[in-house]
Amino acid sequence: MLDLIQEHGSFHAYLRSLDHLDYYSRVKVLTRPFAGLGRTSAFVFLHCVNEETPAWQDR
């Protein structure tokens, strides 16, 4: 997390750097640096921070 913040200035800025990606690519990128974050956790996280996510049954 500290490396991402150092590189992008904040975690919010890191998330904004992923704006050009579609949902599925964003999940793939997010699950790489965070070992405990899987597809479902990534969906819940993105949904909770008001990022665009597909309907639960469509993910």
C-alpha atoms as a PDB file:
ATOM      1  CA  MET A   1       0.000   0.000   0.000  1.00  0.00           C
ATOM      2  CA  LEU A   2       2.806   2.404   0.868  1.00  0.00           C
ATOM      3  CA  ASP A   3       4.477   1.743  -2.492  1.00  0.00           C
ATOM      4  CA  LEU A   4       1.229   2.555  -4.321  1.00  0.00           C
ATOM      5  CA  ILE A   5       0.794   5.744  -2.309  1.00  0.00           C
ATOM      6  CA  GLN A   6       4.398   6.762  -2.914  1.00  0.00           C
ATOM      7  CA  GLU A   7       4.053   6.138  -6.645  1.00  0.00           C
ATOM      8  CA  HIS A   8       0.627   7.775  -7.137  1.00  0.00           C
ATOM      9  CA  GLY A   9       0.413  10.249  -4.247  1.00  0.00           C
ATOM     10  CA  SER A  10      -2.639   8.588  -2.665  1.00  0.00           C
ATOM     11  CA  PHE A  11      -4.705   5.441  -2.929  1.00  0.00           C
ATOM     12  CA  HIS A  12      -7.478   7.517  -4.484  1.00  0.00           C
ATOM     13  CA  ALA A  13      -5.073   8.653  -7.213  1.00  0.00           C
ATOM     14  CA  TYR A  14      -4.119   5.002  -7.765  1.00  0.00           C
ATOM     15  CA  LEU A  15      -7.777   4.108  -8.264  1.00  0.00           C
ATOM     16  CA  ARG A  16      -8.172   7.027 -10.673  1.00  0.00           C
ATOM     17  CA  SER A  17      -5.206   5.692 -12.659  1.00  0.00           C
ATOM     18  CA  LEU A  18      -7.349   2.617 -13.366  1.00  0.00           C
ATOM     19  CA  ASP A  19     -10.272   4.623 -14.787  1.00  0.00           C
ATOM     20  CA  HIS A  20      -9.370   3.767 -18.376  1.00  0.00           C
ATOM     21  CA  LEU A  21      -9.834   0.042 -17.676  1.00  0.00           C
ATOM     22  CA  ASP A  22     -13.085  -1.863 -17.891  1.00  0.00           C
ATOM     23  CA  TYR A  23     -14.372  -3.532 -14.714  1.00  0.00           C
ATOM     24  CA  TYR A  24     -12.824  -6.942 -15.395  1.00  0.00           C
ATOM     25  CA  SER A  25      -9.391  -5.513 -16.187  1.00  0.00           C
ATOM     26  CA  ARG A  26      -9.577  -3.312 -13.086  1.00  0.00           C
ATOM     27  CA  VAL A  27     -10.319  -6.357 -10.904  1.00  0.00           C
ATOM     28  CA  LYS A  28      -7.373  -8.218 -12.452  1.00  0.00           C
ATOM     29  CA  VAL A  29      -5.046  -5.275 -11.710  1.00  0.00           C
ATOM     30  CA  LEU A  30      -6.373  -4.838  -8.157  1.00  0.00           C
ATOM     31  CA  THR A  31      -5.993  -8.488  -7.197  1.00  0.00           C
ATOM     32  CA  ARG A  32      -2.307  -8.597  -8.188  1.00  0.00           C
ATOM     33  CA  PRO A  33      -0.712  -6.489  -5.412  1.00  0.00           C
ATOM     34  CA  PHE A  34      -3.144  -7.534  -2.671  1.00  0.00           C
ATOM     35  CA  ALA A  35      -2.715 -11.242  -1.892  1.00  0.00           C
ATOM     36  CA  GLY A  36      -5.964 -11.593   0.081  1.00  0.00           C
ATOM     37  CA  LEU A  37      -8.111  -9.794  -2.472  1.00  0.00           C
ATOM     38  CA  GLY A  38     -10.026 -12.091  -4.780  1.00  0.00           C
ATOM     39  CA  ARG A  39     -12.634 -11.360  -7.434  1.00  0.00           C
ATOM     40  CA  THR A  40     -15.546 -11.187  -4.979  1.00  0.00           C
ATOM     41  CA  SER A  41     -13.639  -9.010  -2.513  1.00  0.00           C
ATOM     42  CA  ALA A  42     -12.608  -6.699  -5.340  1.00  0.00           C
ATOM     43  CA  PHE A  43     -16.248  -6.412  -6.435  1.00  0.00           C
ATOM     44  CA  VAL A  44     -17.371  -5.576  -2.884  1.00  0.00           C
ATOM     45  CA  PHE A  45     -14.560  -3.055  -2.436  1.00  0.00           C
ATOM     46  CA  LEU A  46     -15.264  -1.282  -5.728  1.00  0.00           C
ATOM     47  CA  HIS A  47     -18.993  -1.249  -5.006  1.00  0.00           C
ATOM     48  CA  CYS A  48     -18.428   0.176  -1.491  1.00  0.00           C
ATOM     49  CA  VAL A  49     -16.261   3.025  -2.797  1.00  0.00           C
ATOM     50  CA  ASN A  50     -18.887   3.886  -5.430  1.00  0.00           C
ATOM     51  CA  GLU A  51     -16.931   2.684  -8.430  1.00  0.00           C
ATOM     52  CA  GLU A  52     -18.870   1.378 -11.406  1.00  0.00           C
ATOM     53  CA  THR A  53     -19.573  -2.337 -11.026  1.00  0.00           C
ATOM     54  CA  PRO A  54     -21.792  -4.767 -12.894  1.00  0.00           C
ATOM     55  CA  ALA A  55     -24.868  -6.236 -11.239  1.00  0.00           C
ATOM     56  CA  TRP A  56     -23.971  -8.933  -8.701  1.00  0.00           C
ATOM     57  CA  GLN A  57     -25.252 -11.778 -10.903  1.00  0.00           C
ATOM     58  CA  ASP A  58     -23.414 -10.414 -13.973  1.00  0.00           C
ATOM     59  CA  ARG A  59     -19.959 -10.193 -12.461  1.00  0.00           C
END
